[in-house]
């Protein structure tokens, strides 16, 4: 059953405001204006993922350090991208990438992308999260499942990405009943190929399903990564979320 509230898209039943979670734009040299826009005061951001080259890269990148510093200076959390490859990633490699993110870019936490969803992988993911918190006790941990995982995962992370995909799937999606046991600030939705005319509907679905961190874009996955550039309606979505307006 969808998580229903009677509030606007920018506000949940607990008074929590919807915010944007940025899955990771192209390199700051490729998209300098977009990174600069993210650091603009008043932008309703929850966090921004830094993905240098499928992770932290092989050496420190001064352009990424500068971009991350600007965001932190604006009060926005920067998360390092860690790829779990659906549970196939070696633990040692994952930990090495985490240390590089911390040492080189001073990240505030991590997005564990392509995170498994099944119960059998829960132990290894819990081990990874526990270790990440040991090396950075204030780390904000987001598990990037992309669909609803076994509910046990919710006990070991700050947030879960429970949808990542196309608008054609999102508009008919159903929320897992167990998510009603948690507040909306525990869940994130990433949706691409959302037409401008359906932006209001998409925001309403996120509210109904109880996801307080969202990223909607009109970019598609036909030729490239739909998350690596800003949506064409960036100003509109920032305005809607920043003011709590949806209808």
Protein backbone atom coordinates (compact mmCIF):
# COMPACT_ATOMS: atom_id res chain seq x y z
CA UNK A 1 0.00 0.00 0.00
CA UNK A 2 1.42 3.41 -0.88
CA UNK A 3 2.51 5.68 1.95
CA UNK A 4 -0.22 8.31 1.97
CA UNK A 5 -0.08 11.79 3.47
CA UNK A 6 -2.18 14.89 3.09
CA UNK A 7 0.73 17.30 2.80
CA UNK A 8 2.45 18.91 -0.16
CA UNK A 9 5.29 17.34 -2.10
CA UNK A 10 7.84 19.41 -0.22
CA UNK A 11 6.62 18.32 3.21
CA UNK A 12 5.84 14.95 4.77
CA UNK A 13 3.47 14.10 7.60
CA UNK A 14 6.38 14.59 10.04
CA UNK A 15 7.15 18.07 8.71
CA UNK A 16 10.26 16.78 6.92
CA UNK A 17 10.97 18.56 3.65
CA UNK A 18 11.73 16.77 0.42
CA UNK A 19 15.30 17.29 -0.80
CA UNK A 20 17.38 16.34 -3.83
CA UNK A 21 19.93 13.55 -3.76
CA UNK A 22 22.31 13.88 -6.71
CA UNK A 23 23.46 10.41 -7.94
CA UNK A 24 26.65 11.85 -9.45
CA UNK A 25 27.24 14.31 -12.29
CA UNK A 26 29.94 14.14 -14.93
CA UNK A 27 33.48 15.21 -14.00
CA UNK A 28 33.73 18.89 -12.95
CA UNK A 29 35.92 19.61 -16.00
CA UNK A 30 33.17 18.29 -18.27
CA UNK A 31 30.27 19.88 -16.39
CA UNK A 32 31.68 22.89 -14.47
CA UNK A 33 28.48 24.95 -14.64
CA UNK A 34 26.43 22.12 -13.17
CA UNK A 35 28.76 21.63 -10.21
CA UNK A 36 28.75 25.38 -9.63
CA UNK A 37 24.94 25.38 -9.69
CA UNK A 38 24.85 22.70 -6.98
CA UNK A 39 26.84 24.95 -4.65
CA UNK A 40 24.43 27.86 -5.05
CA UNK A 41 23.02 28.89 -1.64
CA UNK A 42 19.48 27.76 -0.94
CA UNK A 43 19.47 24.76 -3.29
CA UNK A 44 17.41 22.03 -1.52
CA UNK A 45 20.09 19.33 -1.49
CA UNK A 46 20.33 16.34 0.83
CA UNK A 47 23.63 15.11 -0.59
CA UNK A 48 25.71 14.91 -3.78
CA UNK A 49 27.63 11.82 -4.88
CA UNK A 50 31.21 12.25 -6.07
CA UNK A 51 32.10 9.61 -8.66
CA UNK A 52 35.50 10.44 -10.09
CA UNK A 53 36.02 7.33 -12.23
CA UNK A 54 33.77 4.50 -11.11
CA UNK A 55 34.87 5.43 -7.58
CA UNK A 56 37.67 7.71 -6.27
CA UNK A 57 39.95 7.19 -9.27
CA UNK A 58 43.60 6.12 -9.21
CA UNK A 59 45.07 9.43 -7.98
CA UNK A 60 43.82 12.62 -6.30
CA UNK A 61 41.97 14.91 -8.68
CA UNK A 62 42.26 18.62 -7.76
CA UNK A 63 39.15 19.55 -9.75
CA UNK A 64 37.03 17.07 -7.80
CA UNK A 65 38.54 18.21 -4.52
CA UNK A 66 37.66 21.80 -5.36
CA UNK A 67 34.09 20.89 -6.35
CA UNK A 68 33.59 18.83 -3.19
CA UNK A 69 35.01 21.65 -1.07
CA UNK A 70 32.56 24.16 -2.55
CA UNK A 71 29.63 21.90 -1.73
CA UNK A 72 30.74 21.29 1.82
CA UNK A 73 31.26 25.03 2.20
CA UNK A 74 27.63 25.49 1.16
CA UNK A 75 26.53 23.00 3.83
CA UNK A 76 25.89 20.02 1.53
CA UNK A 77 27.08 16.49 2.28
CA UNK A 78 29.35 14.90 -0.30
CA UNK A 79 29.19 11.11 -0.59
CA UNK A 80 31.87 8.94 -2.18
CA UNK A 81 30.69 6.44 -4.78
CA UNK A 82 31.43 2.79 -3.92
CA UNK A 83 30.35 0.05 -6.34
CA UNK A 84 29.29 -3.21 -4.65
CA UNK A 85 28.63 -4.85 -8.07
CA UNK A 86 25.63 -6.69 -6.62
CA UNK A 87 27.78 -8.30 -3.93
CA UNK A 88 30.66 -9.41 -6.18
CA UNK A 89 33.09 -6.67 -5.13
CA UNK A 90 36.05 -7.81 -3.01
CA UNK A 91 35.87 -6.40 0.50
CA UNK A 92 39.49 -5.22 0.43
CA UNK A 93 38.98 -3.29 -2.81
CA UNK A 94 35.87 -1.64 -1.42
CA UNK A 95 37.72 -0.58 1.72
CA UNK A 96 40.65 0.80 -0.30
CA UNK A 97 38.28 2.95 -2.35
CA UNK A 98 36.62 4.21 0.83
CA UNK A 99 39.98 5.28 2.29
CA UNK A 100 40.86 7.11 -0.94
CA UNK A 101 37.56 8.98 -0.89
CA UNK A 102 38.20 10.04 2.70
CA UNK A 103 41.88 10.88 2.30
CA UNK A 104 41.62 12.68 -1.05
CA UNK A 105 38.18 14.29 -1.01
CA UNK A 106 37.16 14.33 2.69
CA UNK A 107 33.76 12.87 1.89
CA UNK A 108 30.94 12.91 4.44
CA UNK A 109 29.76 9.39 3.69
CA UNK A 110 29.18 6.88 0.92
CA UNK A 111 26.66 5.69 -1.65
CA UNK A 112 27.05 1.91 -1.96
CA UNK A 113 25.86 1.54 -5.54
CA UNK A 114 24.49 -1.70 -7.03
CA UNK A 115 23.84 -2.98 -3.53
CA UNK A 116 22.32 -6.48 -3.27
CA UNK A 117 18.70 -6.79 -2.20
CA UNK A 118 18.41 -10.41 -1.03
CA UNK A 119 18.63 -11.66 2.53
CA UNK A 120 21.63 -13.91 1.85
CA UNK A 121 23.86 -10.91 1.09
CA UNK A 122 22.76 -8.96 4.16
CA UNK A 123 25.65 -10.20 6.34
CA UNK A 124 28.35 -8.98 3.93
CA UNK A 125 26.67 -5.61 3.42
CA UNK A 126 26.33 -5.21 7.17
CA UNK A 127 30.05 -6.00 7.50
CA UNK A 128 30.89 -3.34 4.90
CA UNK A 129 28.71 -0.69 6.57
CA UNK A 130 30.11 -1.48 10.03
CA UNK A 131 33.66 -1.11 8.70
CA UNK A 132 32.86 2.16 6.94
CA UNK A 133 31.46 3.56 10.16
CA UNK A 134 34.59 2.41 11.99
CA UNK A 135 36.86 4.43 9.68
CA UNK A 136 34.47 7.40 9.58
CA UNK A 137 32.16 7.46 12.57
CA UNK A 138 30.02 10.30 11.21
CA UNK A 139 29.62 8.79 7.72
CA UNK A 140 26.20 9.06 6.10
CA UNK A 141 25.56 5.67 4.46
CA UNK A 142 23.16 5.24 1.54
CA UNK A 143 22.52 1.76 0.12
CA UNK A 144 21.84 2.00 -3.62
CA UNK A 145 19.60 -1.01 -4.17
CA UNK A 146 17.43 0.51 -6.88
CA UNK A 147 14.47 -1.60 -5.75
CA UNK A 148 12.95 -2.68 -2.46
CA UNK A 149 15.40 -4.95 -0.61
CA UNK A 150 14.88 -7.34 2.27
CA UNK A 151 13.69 -5.14 5.17
CA UNK A 152 16.75 -6.09 7.24
CA UNK A 153 18.88 -3.69 5.22
CA UNK A 154 17.02 -0.72 6.70
CA UNK A 155 18.60 -1.44 10.08
CA UNK A 156 22.14 -0.84 8.82
CA UNK A 157 22.06 2.35 6.76
CA UNK A 158 20.91 5.93 7.00
CA UNK A 159 19.00 5.70 3.72
CA UNK A 160 18.01 3.17 1.07
CA UNK A 161 17.48 3.84 -2.64
CA UNK A 162 14.33 1.79 -3.18
CA UNK A 163 13.70 2.90 -6.76
CA UNK A 164 16.11 3.72 -9.57
CA UNK A 165 14.78 3.51 -13.08
CA UNK A 166 12.51 4.91 -15.76
CA UNK A 167 9.36 6.98 -15.38
CA UNK A 168 7.43 4.37 -17.34
CA UNK A 169 8.03 1.94 -14.45
CA UNK A 170 7.85 4.45 -11.62
CA UNK A 171 4.40 5.76 -12.42
CA UNK A 172 2.94 2.27 -11.88
CA UNK A 173 5.26 1.21 -9.06
CA UNK A 174 4.13 -0.12 -5.69
CA UNK A 175 5.79 0.52 -2.36
CA UNK A 176 6.72 -2.38 -0.06
CA UNK A 177 4.48 -2.47 2.99
CA UNK A 178 7.39 -2.72 5.44
CA UNK A 179 8.58 0.79 4.50
CA UNK A 180 5.64 2.25 6.45
CA UNK A 181 7.54 1.33 9.63
CA UNK A 182 10.18 3.97 8.82
CA UNK A 183 10.03 7.74 8.26
CA UNK A 184 10.31 9.14 4.71
CA UNK A 185 13.85 10.43 5.31
CA UNK A 186 15.05 6.82 5.13
CA UNK A 187 14.16 6.39 1.45
CA UNK A 188 15.39 7.75 -1.90
CA UNK A 189 13.95 7.54 -5.42
CA UNK A 190 15.93 8.17 -8.62
CA UNK A 191 13.75 8.44 -11.74
CA UNK A 192 14.88 9.23 -15.28
CA UNK A 193 12.89 9.98 -18.46
CA UNK A 194 10.30 12.03 -16.53
CA UNK A 195 8.63 14.47 -18.96
CA UNK A 196 8.23 18.04 -17.74
CA UNK A 197 4.46 17.68 -17.89
CA UNK A 198 4.59 14.77 -15.43
CA UNK A 199 6.91 16.34 -12.88
CA UNK A 200 4.08 17.20 -10.50
CA UNK A 201 2.76 13.63 -10.74
CA UNK A 202 6.23 12.22 -10.02
CA UNK A 203 6.59 14.41 -6.92
CA UNK A 204 3.18 13.26 -5.75
CA UNK A 205 4.13 9.59 -6.17
CA UNK A 206 7.27 10.12 -4.09
CA UNK A 207 5.16 11.70 -1.36
CA UNK A 208 2.61 8.89 -1.44
CA UNK A 209 5.31 6.26 -1.29
CA UNK A 210 7.16 7.95 1.56
CA UNK A 211 10.48 8.95 -0.09
CA UNK A 212 11.90 12.26 1.12
CA UNK A 213 15.09 12.27 -0.99
CA UNK A 214 14.49 12.26 -4.74
CA UNK A 215 16.12 12.92 -8.08
CA UNK A 216 13.93 13.31 -11.17
CA UNK A 217 15.28 14.06 -14.62
CA UNK A 218 14.04 14.23 -18.20
CA UNK A 219 17.35 12.71 -19.38
CA UNK A 220 17.05 9.17 -20.73
CA UNK A 221 19.27 6.09 -20.71
CA UNK A 222 19.18 5.61 -24.48
CA UNK A 223 22.74 6.75 -25.15
CA UNK A 224 24.40 7.67 -21.85
CA UNK A 225 24.08 7.72 -18.08
CA UNK A 226 20.85 9.65 -17.38
CA UNK A 227 22.21 10.89 -14.04
CA UNK A 228 25.38 12.57 -15.29
CA UNK A 229 23.76 15.86 -16.32
CA UNK A 230 21.11 18.17 -14.91
CA UNK A 231 17.48 17.84 -16.00
CA UNK A 232 16.18 20.41 -18.44
CA UNK A 233 13.70 21.57 -15.79
CA UNK A 234 16.29 21.99 -13.01
CA UNK A 235 15.09 25.47 -12.02
CA UNK A 236 11.49 24.27 -11.84
CA UNK A 237 12.18 21.26 -9.65
CA UNK A 238 14.42 23.31 -7.34
CA UNK A 239 11.64 25.89 -7.03
CA UNK A 240 8.95 23.29 -6.35
CA UNK A 241 10.95 21.42 -3.73
CA UNK A 242 12.39 24.53 -2.14
CA UNK A 243 8.97 26.03 -1.55
CA UNK A 244 7.08 22.79 -0.91
CA UNK A 245 4.73 23.46 -3.83
CA UNK A 246 3.21 20.60 -5.80
CA UNK A 247 -0.41 21.40 -6.52
